[in-house]
Protein backbone atom coordinates (compact mmCIF):
# COMPACT_ATOMS: atom_id res chain seq x y z
CA MET A 1 32.75 108.61 15.41
CA LYS A 2 36.42 108.27 14.55
CA GLY A 3 37.69 104.89 13.37
CA ALA A 4 40.85 103.17 12.23
CA ILE A 5 41.89 99.99 10.47
CA PHE A 6 44.43 97.62 12.02
CA PHE A 7 45.49 94.54 10.11
CA SER A 8 47.75 91.52 10.26
CA GLY A 9 48.73 89.62 7.17
CA LYS A 10 51.56 87.64 5.69
CA TYR A 11 51.31 87.53 1.88
CA GLY A 12 49.41 90.70 0.94
CA SER A 13 45.71 89.83 0.62
CA THR A 14 44.74 91.27 4.01
CA LYS A 15 46.78 94.40 3.35
CA GLN A 16 45.07 94.82 -0.05
CA TYR A 17 41.62 94.63 1.55
CA ALA A 18 42.72 97.10 4.27
CA GLU A 19 43.97 99.49 1.56
CA TRP A 20 40.68 99.23 -0.33
CA ILE A 21 38.72 99.92 2.87
CA ALA A 22 40.99 102.85 3.78
CA ALA A 23 40.70 104.35 0.29
CA SER A 24 36.90 104.02 0.35
CA THR A 25 36.40 105.39 3.88
CA GLY A 26 39.31 107.77 4.45
CA LEU A 27 40.15 105.91 7.67
CA PRO A 28 43.79 105.55 8.69
CA MET A 29 45.31 102.11 8.24
CA PHE A 30 47.98 100.47 10.40
CA ASP A 31 49.89 97.21 10.08
CA ILE A 32 49.98 95.88 13.65
CA LYS A 33 53.64 94.90 13.37
CA ASP A 34 54.61 98.50 12.55
CA SER A 35 52.22 100.35 14.80
CA SER A 36 52.26 101.57 18.36
CA THR A 37 49.20 103.74 17.79
CA ASN A 38 47.11 104.62 20.82
CA LEU A 39 43.79 102.80 20.37
CA SER A 40 42.03 105.20 22.74
CA LYS A 41 42.10 107.81 19.93
CA TYR A 42 39.46 105.82 18.04
CA ASP A 43 35.77 105.26 18.69
CA PHE A 44 35.50 102.15 16.51
CA LEU A 45 37.96 99.70 15.00
CA ILE A 46 38.22 97.62 11.87
CA LEU A 47 40.48 94.64 12.53
CA GLY A 48 41.71 92.58 9.61
CA SER A 49 43.42 89.22 9.91
CA SER A 50 44.71 86.57 7.62
CA VAL A 51 44.26 82.95 8.67
CA MET A 52 47.34 80.73 8.84
CA PHE A 53 47.25 77.13 10.07
CA TYR A 54 43.61 77.56 11.14
CA LYS A 55 44.42 80.56 13.39
CA PHE A 56 43.83 84.27 13.00
CA THR A 57 47.20 86.01 12.72
CA ILE A 58 45.97 89.01 14.72
CA ARG A 59 45.18 86.91 17.79
CA GLN A 60 48.24 87.85 19.90
CA TRP A 61 47.82 91.56 19.18
CA ILE A 62 44.15 91.38 20.15
CA LYS A 63 45.04 89.54 23.36
CA ALA A 64 47.63 92.21 24.23
CA ASN A 65 45.20 95.07 23.46
CA LEU A 66 41.89 93.50 24.47
CA GLU A 67 41.10 95.97 27.27
CA ASP A 68 41.49 98.89 24.83
CA ILE A 69 39.37 97.13 22.20
CA ILE A 70 36.56 95.46 24.11
CA ASP A 71 34.32 98.48 24.73
CA LYS A 72 34.48 99.78 21.15
CA PRO A 73 32.39 98.76 18.17
CA VAL A 74 34.53 96.33 16.14
CA ILE A 75 34.33 95.13 12.57
CA LEU A 76 36.53 92.06 12.16
CA PHE A 77 37.38 90.88 8.70
CA SER A 78 39.18 87.63 8.07
CA VAL A 79 40.98 86.69 4.87
CA SER A 80 41.46 83.05 3.94
CA GLY A 81 40.83 80.47 1.28
CA ALA A 82 37.80 79.30 3.22
CA GLY A 83 34.55 81.15 2.83
CA ALA A 84 32.09 81.91 5.59
CA GLY A 85 30.80 78.83 7.34
CA PRO A 86 31.33 76.34 10.14
CA LYS A 87 35.02 75.73 9.36
CA LEU A 88 35.89 79.44 9.58
CA ASP A 89 33.65 79.88 12.63
CA THR A 90 35.65 77.17 14.42
CA TRP A 91 38.94 78.84 13.52
CA LEU A 92 37.57 82.15 14.82
CA ALA A 93 36.43 80.57 18.09
CA ASN A 94 39.82 78.90 18.55
CA SER A 95 41.71 82.14 17.89
CA LEU A 96 39.92 84.99 19.63
CA PRO A 97 38.29 85.61 23.02
CA ASP A 98 34.57 84.89 23.21
CA ARG A 99 33.91 88.30 24.74
CA LEU A 100 35.26 89.95 21.58
CA ILE A 101 33.61 87.55 19.13
CA SER A 102 30.21 88.13 20.73
CA ARG A 103 30.51 91.90 20.25
CA ALA A 104 32.26 92.16 16.89
CA VAL A 105 30.73 91.93 13.45
CA HIS A 106 32.73 89.34 11.51
CA ILE A 107 33.00 89.59 7.73
CA ALA A 108 34.69 86.66 5.96
CA LEU A 109 36.63 87.69 2.85
CA ARG A 110 38.27 85.30 0.43
CA GLY A 111 41.96 85.76 -0.23
CA ARG A 112 44.61 84.52 -2.57
CA MET A 113 47.42 82.00 -2.27
CA ASN A 114 50.22 81.63 -4.79
CA PRO A 115 52.33 78.57 -3.93
CA LYS A 116 55.37 80.21 -5.57
CA GLU A 117 55.29 82.95 -2.92
CA LEU A 118 55.34 80.47 -0.03
CA SER A 119 58.48 79.27 1.68
CA TRP A 120 59.64 75.77 0.78
CA GLY A 121 58.51 74.46 4.19
CA LEU A 122 55.06 76.00 3.95
CA ARG A 123 54.62 74.63 0.42
CA GLN A 124 55.39 71.14 1.77
CA ILE A 125 52.85 71.59 4.58
CA MET A 126 50.23 72.69 2.04
CA ILE A 127 50.94 69.62 -0.11
CA ILE A 128 50.62 67.28 2.87
CA GLY A 129 47.46 69.07 4.00
CA SER A 130 46.00 68.73 0.52
CA LEU A 131 46.51 64.97 0.62
CA LEU A 132 44.54 64.81 3.87
CA ASN A 133 41.77 67.14 2.76
CA PRO A 134 38.55 65.25 1.91
CA ASP A 135 37.21 68.16 -0.19
CA PRO A 136 38.58 67.68 -3.75
CA GLN A 137 38.29 71.38 -4.67
CA SER A 138 40.05 72.57 -1.49
CA SER A 139 42.67 69.88 -1.91
CA LYS A 140 43.43 71.10 -5.43
CA GLU A 141 43.59 74.74 -4.27
CA GLU A 142 46.02 73.84 -1.48
CA ARG A 143 48.41 72.51 -4.14
CA SER A 144 47.88 74.88 -7.05
CA GLY A 145 46.72 78.06 -5.33
CA PHE A 146 43.69 80.29 -5.70
CA ASP A 147 42.71 83.93 -6.12
CA TYR A 148 39.36 85.02 -4.74
CA MET A 149 40.28 88.68 -4.17
CA ASP A 150 37.24 90.84 -4.86
CA LYS A 151 37.06 94.54 -4.06
CA SER A 152 33.26 94.48 -4.09
CA SER A 153 33.27 92.07 -1.13
CA ILE A 154 34.19 94.96 1.20
CA GLU A 155 30.75 96.54 0.69
CA PRO A 156 29.30 95.18 3.97
CA ILE A 157 32.25 96.73 5.82
CA LEU A 158 31.74 100.07 4.10
CA LYS A 159 28.05 100.06 5.07
CA LEU A 160 28.92 99.36 8.71
CA VAL A 161 31.46 102.20 8.71
CA GLN A 162 28.77 104.55 7.38
CA GLN A 163 26.45 103.44 10.20
CA PHE A 164 29.15 104.05 12.82
CA GLU A 165 29.95 107.46 11.39
CA LEU A 166 26.25 108.38 11.33
CA CYS A 167 26.10 107.77 15.08
CA GLU A 168 28.27 110.87 15.46
CA VAL A 169 25.74 112.98 13.55
CA LEU A 170 22.68 111.71 15.41
């Protein structure tokens, strides 16, 4: 089976994970804002998305391409400060169509946020959000930043890619 990686990110963490996956698998990688690639050329897709303001940044692209995506095996990886769990599951459900979520394998990856790289307005929103956040650790990270980037966390994605590629041999 032939696959490809499509990603949407803002500050570089999602792109870094996509690059690591591409380097490890040999799959082509495309930033959705720069790509008009024909999805029908691929048997399976890896879709990567950062999460901004509790929404997956790839949501509009998926909506526009859903009919070309829906019948393919999909690995969806999200990149955010939040780890896997109910909070991220809610953001996923509020961002993407149920018919895709029910078919895709979702892998939650932790990203990085450096407040100095954010626009002034976004920094202010993060500060306000931190004041409203009941979780002391998350509140601190919203103000001072975090870096949870970990190349080894792509291992589940690499194993799924191997399984998809084995389907071609069988």
